[in-house]
Amino acid sequence: MRLTVKVLIIALILAAAFLLTFAVWGDPMEAAFAGEGFAVDLADRPAVGWLMGLGLLVADLVLPVPATGVISALGTVYGFWLGWLISATGSTLAGLVGYGLVRFGGDRFASRLARREELKDLRHCFNRYGGVAIIASRALPVLPEVMAVLAGLARMRFRLFLAAILTGTIPAAGLFAWWGSTAGKNAPGISFVVAVVVPLGMWILLLPLLRHRTVRPTDKAIK
């Protein structure tokens, strides 16, 4: 079986697992953590509410947390700047945890998935194109978790992964925090388009600098 087919199957399995959590817990999580009700809960305990918001965004890695609703609520309660900082931190941590767990704990699985040469090809592919996929996924459901796991499996260079996740997360978090701070409601649908297009534009400008700074010798053998 070709490596691309194997990776696609893994991606579909991961997506199915995340979608299953939506089917089981999606409605209760939406009711509890999206909308004005959650903002009221945060406002009642502002000293610790930000930790709740931060924890929920990190938990979005494995649970169907309505992330945009949480970010909007953080913007409503803590204002644009602090809400943006908390939201960007939580969303970035979620991606880093997903990447790190697989990157540093998935050697045995990776060796069973494919030969060393195939894994080198997968790594090269993610180093070259993974940034665009990661950025495009950040404002969408399910895909951010899938892409973070696949990037870890592919051993994508950490510098590139971190740059991509920051580029995709910071503008999106800022947009939804701003919407919450000004309107106090969930962001409209057009916000998702803006949250993807703007980071991709930033990535196009940033990528030449990253490639120039990144040493590009032949990849080290995957042990």
Protein backbone atom coordinates (compact mmCIF):
# COMPACT_ATOMS: atom_id res chain seq x y z
CA MET A 1 0.00 0.00 0.00
CA ARG A 2 1.40 3.41 -0.97
CA LEU A 3 2.34 5.82 1.79
CA THR A 4 -0.09 8.48 0.56
CA VAL A 5 -2.95 6.00 0.88
CA LYS A 6 -1.82 5.01 4.36
CA VAL A 7 -1.64 8.64 5.49
CA LEU A 8 -5.06 9.33 3.99
CA ILE A 9 -6.51 6.36 5.86
CA ILE A 10 -4.95 7.60 9.11
CA ALA A 11 -6.35 11.09 8.50
CA LEU A 12 -9.82 9.66 7.86
CA ILE A 13 -9.64 7.53 11.00
CA LEU A 14 -8.59 10.53 13.08
CA ALA A 15 -11.32 12.68 11.55
CA ALA A 16 -13.89 9.95 12.22
CA ALA A 17 -12.75 9.71 15.85
CA PHE A 18 -13.04 13.48 16.32
CA LEU A 19 -16.43 13.52 14.60
CA LEU A 20 -17.58 10.77 16.95
CA THR A 21 -16.82 13.02 19.90
CA PHE A 22 -18.95 15.70 18.22
CA ALA A 23 -21.80 13.26 17.79
CA VAL A 24 -21.64 12.17 21.43
CA TRP A 25 -20.76 15.39 23.25
CA GLY A 26 -21.14 18.12 20.64
CA ASP A 27 -24.57 19.42 21.64
CA PRO A 28 -23.89 19.51 25.41
CA MET A 29 -20.54 21.23 24.85
CA GLU A 30 -22.14 23.75 22.51
CA ALA A 31 -24.86 24.51 25.02
CA ALA A 32 -22.40 24.87 27.89
CA PHE A 33 -19.57 26.84 26.31
CA ALA A 34 -20.94 28.78 23.35
CA GLY A 35 -23.02 31.93 23.41
CA GLU A 36 -23.76 34.55 26.01
CA GLY A 37 -24.33 32.05 28.83
CA PHE A 38 -20.68 31.06 28.96
CA ALA A 39 -19.60 34.71 28.92
CA VAL A 40 -21.80 35.28 31.98
CA ASP A 41 -20.15 32.31 33.72
CA LEU A 42 -16.71 33.75 33.00
CA ALA A 43 -17.76 37.20 34.20
CA ASP A 44 -18.93 35.73 37.50
CA ARG A 45 -15.41 34.43 38.22
CA PRO A 46 -13.00 36.68 36.27
CA ALA A 47 -9.99 35.78 38.42
CA VAL A 48 -10.07 32.13 37.36
CA GLY A 49 -12.37 32.21 34.33
CA TRP A 50 -9.46 32.80 31.99
CA LEU A 51 -7.96 29.50 33.15
CA MET A 52 -11.21 27.80 32.29
CA GLY A 53 -11.13 29.32 28.83
CA LEU A 54 -7.47 28.41 28.36
CA GLY A 55 -8.11 24.83 29.48
CA LEU A 56 -11.07 24.44 27.16
CA LEU A 57 -9.03 25.58 24.16
CA VAL A 58 -6.29 23.10 24.99
CA ALA A 59 -8.91 20.38 25.53
CA ASP A 60 -10.19 21.12 22.02
CA LEU A 61 -7.46 18.73 20.93
CA VAL A 62 -9.59 15.78 22.07
CA LEU A 63 -13.03 17.20 22.90
CA PRO A 64 -15.62 18.97 20.70
CA VAL A 65 -15.10 22.35 22.33
CA PRO A 66 -16.87 25.20 20.46
CA ALA A 67 -13.59 27.09 20.19
CA THR A 68 -14.93 30.18 18.40
CA GLY A 69 -17.63 30.56 21.05
CA VAL A 70 -15.06 30.25 23.82
CA ILE A 71 -12.78 32.82 22.18
CA SER A 72 -15.67 35.22 21.66
CA ALA A 73 -16.64 34.85 25.31
CA LEU A 74 -13.06 35.56 26.40
CA GLY A 75 -13.10 38.70 24.27
CA THR A 76 -16.41 39.75 25.80
CA VAL A 77 -15.26 39.32 29.40
CA TYR A 78 -11.57 40.25 29.27
CA GLY A 79 -11.58 42.68 26.38
CA PHE A 80 -9.90 42.39 23.03
CA TRP A 81 -6.21 42.34 23.96
CA LEU A 82 -6.30 40.01 26.96
CA GLY A 83 -8.96 37.82 25.36
CA TRP A 84 -6.79 37.58 22.26
CA LEU A 85 -3.71 36.63 24.29
CA ILE A 86 -5.53 33.91 26.25
CA SER A 87 -7.20 32.52 23.14
CA ALA A 88 -4.06 32.46 21.00
CA THR A 89 -2.12 30.81 23.83
CA GLY A 90 -4.72 28.09 24.37
CA SER A 91 -5.18 27.28 20.70
CA THR A 92 -1.43 27.20 20.08
CA LEU A 93 -0.85 24.92 23.07
CA ALA A 94 -3.47 22.49 21.77
CA GLY A 95 -1.62 22.20 18.46
CA LEU A 96 1.76 21.86 20.14
CA VAL A 97 0.51 19.10 22.44
CA GLY A 98 -0.95 17.16 19.51
CA TYR A 99 2.25 17.56 17.51
CA GLY A 100 4.54 16.76 20.43
CA LEU A 101 2.76 13.64 21.63
CA VAL A 102 3.01 12.04 18.20
CA ARG A 103 6.36 13.54 17.20
CA PHE A 104 8.16 12.25 20.27
CA GLY A 105 6.03 9.23 21.13
CA GLY A 106 5.06 7.72 17.79
CA ASP A 107 8.33 6.21 16.59
CA ARG A 108 7.14 2.63 16.82
CA PHE A 109 3.91 3.38 15.01
CA ALA A 110 5.73 5.36 12.31
CA SER A 111 8.19 2.54 11.71
CA ARG A 112 5.28 0.15 11.22
CA LEU A 113 3.49 2.56 8.95
CA ALA A 114 6.21 2.84 6.33
CA ARG A 115 9.83 2.28 5.44
CA ARG A 116 12.48 4.83 6.39
CA GLU A 117 12.67 6.18 2.85
CA GLU A 118 8.90 6.66 2.72
CA LEU A 119 8.94 8.52 6.02
CA LYS A 120 11.66 10.80 4.64
CA ASP A 121 9.38 11.57 1.69
CA LEU A 122 6.49 12.29 4.05
CA ARG A 123 8.65 14.62 6.10
CA HIS A 124 9.82 16.43 2.99
CA CYS A 125 6.21 16.84 1.86
CA PHE A 126 5.15 18.35 5.19
CA ASN A 127 8.19 20.60 5.34
CA ARG A 128 7.29 21.90 1.90
CA TYR A 129 3.48 22.02 1.92
CA GLY A 130 2.38 21.27 5.48
CA GLY A 131 2.38 24.91 6.55
CA VAL A 132 -0.39 25.82 4.13
CA ALA A 133 -2.51 22.87 5.26
CA ILE A 134 -1.99 23.69 8.94
CA ILE A 135 -2.90 27.36 8.47
CA ALA A 136 -5.96 26.60 6.36
CA SER A 137 -7.21 24.18 9.03
CA ARG A 138 -6.93 26.45 12.06
CA ALA A 139 -10.32 28.17 11.77
CA LEU A 140 -12.18 24.97 10.85
CA PRO A 141 -13.58 22.16 13.00
CA VAL A 142 -11.81 18.79 13.35
CA LEU A 143 -9.01 19.54 10.84
CA PRO A 144 -6.67 21.41 13.24
CA GLU A 145 -6.33 18.34 15.44
CA VAL A 146 -5.86 16.03 12.45
CA MET A 147 -3.17 18.24 10.90
CA ALA A 148 -1.26 18.63 14.18
CA VAL A 149 -1.15 14.85 14.63
CA LEU A 150 -0.10 14.24 11.02
CA ALA A 151 2.62 16.89 11.27
CA GLY A 152 3.99 15.14 14.34
CA LEU A 153 3.84 11.78 12.61
CA ALA A 154 5.70 13.23 9.62
CA ARG A 155 8.29 14.80 11.93
CA MET A 156 7.76 18.15 10.33
CA ARG A 157 10.49 20.56 11.35
CA PHE A 158 9.46 22.16 14.63
CA ARG A 159 10.42 25.65 13.47
CA LEU A 160 8.16 25.37 10.45
CA PHE A 161 5.34 23.80 12.44
CA LEU A 162 5.52 26.48 15.13
CA ALA A 163 5.61 29.26 12.54
CA ALA A 164 2.62 27.78 10.71
CA ILE A 165 0.52 27.26 13.79
CA LEU A 166 1.25 30.76 15.08
CA THR A 167 0.51 32.29 11.69
CA GLY A 168 -2.79 30.43 11.49
CA THR A 169 -3.82 30.86 15.12
CA ILE A 170 -2.96 34.43 16.09
CA PRO A 171 -5.04 36.25 13.42
CA ALA A 172 -8.01 33.89 13.85
CA ALA A 173 -7.94 34.24 17.64
CA GLY A 174 -7.68 38.01 17.29
CA LEU A 175 -10.63 38.16 14.92
CA PHE A 176 -12.95 36.15 17.16
CA ALA A 177 -11.77 37.91 20.33
CA TRP A 178 -12.43 41.26 18.66
CA TRP A 179 -15.88 40.13 17.63
CA GLY A 180 -16.65 39.05 21.17
CA SER A 181 -15.33 42.30 22.64
CA THR A 182 -17.46 44.43 20.31
CA ALA A 183 -20.59 42.38 19.78
CA GLY A 184 -20.63 39.87 22.59
CA LYS A 185 -21.88 37.15 20.27
CA ASN A 186 -20.51 34.37 18.10
CA ALA A 187 -18.67 35.49 15.00
CA PRO A 188 -20.55 35.50 11.67
CA GLY A 189 -19.77 32.95 8.98
CA ILE A 190 -17.70 35.36 6.88
CA SER A 191 -15.21 35.52 9.75
CA PHE A 192 -14.09 31.98 8.95
CA VAL A 193 -13.12 33.07 5.44
CA VAL A 194 -11.15 36.03 6.77
CA ALA A 195 -9.52 33.83 9.42
CA VAL A 196 -8.13 31.57 6.70
CA VAL A 197 -7.33 34.03 3.90
CA VAL A 198 -5.38 36.53 6.03
CA PRO A 199 -3.05 33.94 7.63
CA LEU A 200 -2.40 32.31 4.26
CA GLY A 201 -1.39 35.70 2.88
CA MET A 202 0.94 36.17 5.84
CA TRP A 203 2.44 32.73 5.26
CA ILE A 204 3.23 33.54 1.63
CA LEU A 205 5.22 36.54 2.84
CA LEU A 206 6.86 34.70 5.74
CA LEU A 207 7.83 31.44 4.02
CA PRO A 208 10.83 32.77 2.01
CA LEU A 209 12.38 34.06 5.23
CA LEU A 210 11.78 30.74 7.00
CA ARG A 211 13.30 28.77 4.15
CA HIS A 212 16.29 31.07 4.07
CA ARG A 213 16.87 30.67 7.80
CA THR A 214 16.24 26.93 7.87
CA VAL A 215 19.27 24.81 7.14
CA ARG A 216 18.30 22.47 4.35
CA PRO A 217 20.71 19.56 4.30
CA THR A 218 19.54 16.09 3.45
CA ASP A 219 17.18 15.00 6.19
CA LYS A 220 18.78 12.96 8.90
CA ALA A 221 17.88 9.32 8.93
CA ILE A 222 14.74 8.61 10.88
CA LYS A 223 15.66 6.30 13.67
